[in-house]
C-alpha atoms as a PDB file:
ATOM      1  CA  GLN A   1      32.323  71.466  -3.905  1.00  0.00           C
ATOM      2  CA  VAL A   2      31.687  73.749  -6.426  1.00  0.00           C
ATOM      3  CA  GLN A   3      34.391  73.796  -9.314  1.00  0.00           C
ATOM      4  CA  LEU A   4      34.312  75.848 -12.574  1.00  0.00           C
ATOM      5  CA  VAL A   5      37.393  75.214 -14.883  1.00  0.00           C
ATOM      6  CA  GLU A   6      38.042  77.808 -17.526  1.00  0.00           C
ATOM      7  CA  SER A   7      39.821  77.020 -20.481  1.00  0.00           C
ATOM      8  CA  GLY A   8      40.326  78.399 -24.827  1.00  0.00           C
ATOM      9  CA  GLY A   9      42.124  81.838 -23.662  1.00  0.00           C
ATOM     10  CA  GLY A  10      45.168  82.805 -25.983  1.00  0.00           C
ATOM     11  CA  THR A  11      46.828  85.261 -28.786  1.00  0.00           C
ATOM     12  CA  VAL A  12      44.743  86.625 -31.440  1.00  0.00           C
ATOM     13  CA  GLN A  13      44.645  89.519 -33.829  1.00  0.00           C
ATOM     14  CA  PRO A  14      42.623  91.962 -34.100  1.00  0.00           C
ATOM     15  CA  GLY A  15      39.354  91.026 -36.024  1.00  0.00           C
ATOM     16  CA  GLY A  16      39.890  87.469 -34.623  1.00  0.00           C
ATOM     17  CA  SER A  17      37.776  84.966 -33.009  1.00  0.00           C
ATOM     18  CA  LEU A  18      38.292  82.851 -29.273  1.00  0.00           C
ATOM     19  CA  ARG A  19      35.658  80.001 -27.569  1.00  0.00           C
ATOM     20  CA  LEU A  20      36.267  79.978 -23.842  1.00  0.00           C
ATOM     21  CA  SER A  21      34.775  77.319 -21.852  1.00  0.00           C
ATOM     22  CA  CYS A  22      33.920  76.930 -19.023  1.00  0.00           C
ATOM     23  CA  ALA A  23      33.598  73.539 -17.330  1.00  0.00           C
ATOM     24  CA  ALA A  24      31.192  73.194 -13.741  1.00  0.00           C
ATOM     25  CA  SER A  25      30.860  70.329 -11.331  1.00  0.00           C
ATOM     26  CA  GLY A  26      29.813  70.351  -7.876  1.00  0.00           C
ATOM     27  CA  PHE A  27      26.206  71.620  -8.285  1.00  0.00           C
ATOM     28  CA  ILE A  28      23.035  71.341 -10.286  1.00  0.00           C
ATOM     29  CA  PHE A  29      24.181  73.008 -13.031  1.00  0.00           C
ATOM     30  CA  THR A  30      20.568  73.580 -14.234  1.00  0.00           C
ATOM     31  CA  ASP A  31      19.469  75.404 -11.236  1.00  0.00           C
ATOM     32  CA  TYR A  32      21.436  78.461 -11.833  1.00  0.00           C
ATOM     33  CA  ALA A  33      22.730  81.317 -14.423  1.00  0.00           C
ATOM     34  CA  MET A  34      26.171  81.691 -15.710  1.00  0.00           C
ATOM     35  CA  ARG A  35      28.140  84.184 -16.614  1.00  0.00           C
ATOM     36  CA  TRP A  36      31.190  85.443 -17.958  1.00  0.00           C
ATOM     37  CA  TYR A  37      33.896  88.259 -16.360  1.00  0.00           C
ATOM     38  CA  SER A  38      36.701  90.236 -17.516  1.00  0.00           C
ATOM     39  CA  GLN A  39      39.198  91.780 -15.558  1.00  0.00           C
ATOM     40  CA  VAL A  40      42.371  93.208 -16.469  1.00  0.00           C
ATOM     41  CA  PRO A  41      45.114  94.807 -13.995  1.00  0.00           C
ATOM     42  CA  GLY A  42      43.797  97.513 -11.593  1.00  0.00           C
ATOM     43  CA  GLU A  43      40.452  96.992 -12.230  1.00  0.00           C
ATOM     44  CA  GLU A  44      37.389  95.438 -10.675  1.00  0.00           C
ATOM     45  CA  ARG A  45      35.906  92.007 -12.519  1.00  0.00           C
ATOM     46  CA  LYS A  46      33.069  93.438 -15.074  1.00  0.00           C
ATOM     47  CA  LEU A  47      30.356  91.934 -16.262  1.00  0.00           C
ATOM     48  CA  VAL A  48      30.729  90.552 -19.774  1.00  0.00           C
ATOM     49  CA  ALA A  49      27.656  88.387 -20.205  1.00  0.00           C
ATOM     50  CA  PHE A  50      25.148  86.486 -18.511  1.00  0.00           C
ATOM     51  CA  ILE A  51      22.652  83.467 -19.566  1.00  0.00           C
ATOM     52  CA  SER A  52      19.793  81.915 -17.376  1.00  0.00           C
ATOM     53  CA  PRO A  53      19.678  78.475 -16.575  1.00  0.00           C
ATOM     54  CA  ALA A  54      17.777  76.980 -19.239  1.00  0.00           C
ATOM     55  CA  GLY A  55      19.581  79.249 -21.897  1.00  0.00           C
ATOM     56  CA  ASP A  56      16.696  80.820 -22.786  1.00  0.00           C
ATOM     57  CA  ARG A  57      17.735  84.432 -21.543  1.00  0.00           C
ATOM     58  CA  THR A  58      20.962  86.469 -22.701  1.00  0.00           C
ATOM     59  CA  HIS A  59      22.699  89.709 -21.530  1.00  0.00           C
ATOM     60  CA  TYR A  60      25.253  91.671 -22.703  1.00  0.00           C
ATOM     61  CA  ASP A  61      27.645  93.990 -21.779  1.00  0.00           C
ATOM     62  CA  ASP A  62      27.462  97.155 -24.619  1.00  0.00           C
ATOM     63  CA  SER A  63      31.167  96.800 -25.098  1.00  0.00           C
ATOM     64  CA  VAL A  64      30.905  93.215 -26.342  1.00  0.00           C
ATOM     65  CA  GLN A  65      27.136  93.316 -27.493  1.00  0.00           C
ATOM     66  CA  GLY A  66      26.643  92.138 -31.419  1.00  0.00           C
ATOM     67  CA  ARG A  67      30.551  90.591 -31.219  1.00  0.00           C
ATOM     68  CA  PHE A  68      30.137  87.707 -27.921  1.00  0.00           C
ATOM     69  CA  THR A  69      27.676  84.846 -27.926  1.00  0.00           C
ATOM     70  CA  ILE A  70      27.143  83.266 -24.119  1.00  0.00           C
ATOM     71  CA  SER A  71      26.066  79.819 -24.299  1.00  0.00           C
ATOM     72  CA  ARG A  72      25.446  76.593 -21.739  1.00  0.00           C
ATOM     73  CA  ASP A  73      25.434  72.855 -22.465  1.00  0.00           C
ATOM     74  CA  ASN A  74      22.970  71.550 -19.784  1.00  0.00           C
ATOM     75  CA  ARG A  75      23.494  68.077 -20.462  1.00  0.00           C
ATOM     76  CA  LYS A  76      27.476  68.286 -20.431  1.00  0.00           C
ATOM     77  CA  ASN A  77      27.418  70.732 -17.573  1.00  0.00           C
ATOM     78  CA  MET A  78      29.429  73.385 -19.699  1.00  0.00           C
ATOM     79  CA  ALA A  79      29.231  77.432 -20.773  1.00  0.00           C
ATOM     80  CA  PHE A  80      30.752  79.099 -23.211  1.00  0.00           C
ATOM     81  CA  LEU A  81      32.317  82.092 -24.572  1.00  0.00           C
ATOM     82  CA  GLN A  82      32.178  82.900 -28.054  1.00  0.00           C
ATOM     83  CA  MET A  83      34.435  85.455 -28.891  1.00  0.00           C
ATOM     84  CA  ASP A  84      34.134  87.401 -32.929  1.00  0.00           C
ATOM     85  CA  SER A  85      35.475  91.001 -34.126  1.00  0.00           C
ATOM     86  CA  LEU A  86      37.947  90.958 -30.904  1.00  0.00           C
ATOM     87  CA  LYS A  87      39.665  94.042 -30.206  1.00  0.00           C
ATOM     88  CA  PRO A  88      42.619  94.730 -28.714  1.00  0.00           C
ATOM     89  CA  GLU A  89      40.484  96.402 -25.618  1.00  0.00           C
ATOM     90  CA  ASP A  90      39.051  92.648 -25.190  1.00  0.00           C
ATOM     91  CA  THR A  91      42.578  91.745 -23.572  1.00  0.00           C
ATOM     92  CA  ALA A  92      41.592  90.230 -19.845  1.00  0.00           C
ATOM     93  CA  LEU A  93      41.528  87.560 -17.589  1.00  0.00           C
ATOM     94  CA  TYR A  94      37.981  86.221 -18.629  1.00  0.00           C
ATOM     95  CA  TYR A  95      36.186  84.163 -15.391  1.00  0.00           C
ATOM     96  CA  CYS A  96      33.250  82.119 -15.453  1.00  0.00           C
ATOM     97  CA  ASN A  97      30.970  82.588 -12.370  1.00  0.00           C
ATOM     98  CA  MET A  98      27.887  81.141 -10.575  1.00  0.00           C
ATOM     99  CA  ARG A  99      26.196  83.062  -7.488  1.00  0.00           C
ATOM    100  CA  THR A 100      24.137  80.274  -5.318  1.00  0.00           C
ATOM    101  CA  THR A 101      22.930  83.844  -3.836  1.00  0.00           C
ATOM    102  CA  PRO A 102      23.712  87.230  -4.640  1.00  0.00           C
ATOM    103  CA  SER A 103      26.801  87.215  -2.003  1.00  0.00           C
ATOM    104  CA  GLN A 104      28.039  83.930  -2.396  1.00  0.00           C
ATOM    105  CA  ASN A 105      30.333  83.962  -5.937  1.00  0.00           C
ATOM    106  CA  TYR A 106      32.166  80.845  -6.909  1.00  0.00           C
ATOM    107  CA  TRP A 107      34.539  81.491  -9.783  1.00  0.00           C
ATOM    108  CA  GLY A 108      37.170  79.857 -11.532  1.00  0.00           C
ATOM    109  CA  PRO A 109      40.883  80.699 -11.877  1.00  0.00           C
ATOM    110  CA  GLY A 110      40.197  82.549 -15.104  1.00  0.00           C
ATOM    111  CA  THR A 111      42.060  82.147 -18.533  1.00  0.00           C
ATOM    112  CA  GLN A 112      44.338  85.102 -19.869  1.00  0.00           C
ATOM    113  CA  VAL A 113      42.181  86.207 -23.452  1.00  0.00           C
ATOM    114  CA  THR A 114      45.365  88.963 -25.537  1.00  0.00           C
ATOM    115  CA  VAL A 115      44.481  90.738 -28.449  1.00  0.00           C
ATOM    116  CA  SER A 116      47.460  92.177 -30.180  1.00  0.00           C
ATOM    117  CA  SER A 117      48.948  92.121 -33.656  1.00  0.00           C
END
């Protein structure tokens, strides 16, 4: 079965960096785009970044453009989110996502990112 497991979250000061990782299994990784979402309590999950199956196309939410970088290693079935110049408003639970159809989404358990001085 599909499994996504995030890691790399933590607490960092404003201006700091974190690198999130997503280990994927149970599906043909190279067939699917990967996404990172963020969620704060009381709000819906927000799409932060997208990467195409081959890794040749990416897209970012305006709020993270220029600060976050999504990437993938198709040999290792891993997706990553490099987060630089972190701001307190980036504080959220971050989820790795894969979807086989628009209505069939798979999620990891999430990893908490806290940006605080």
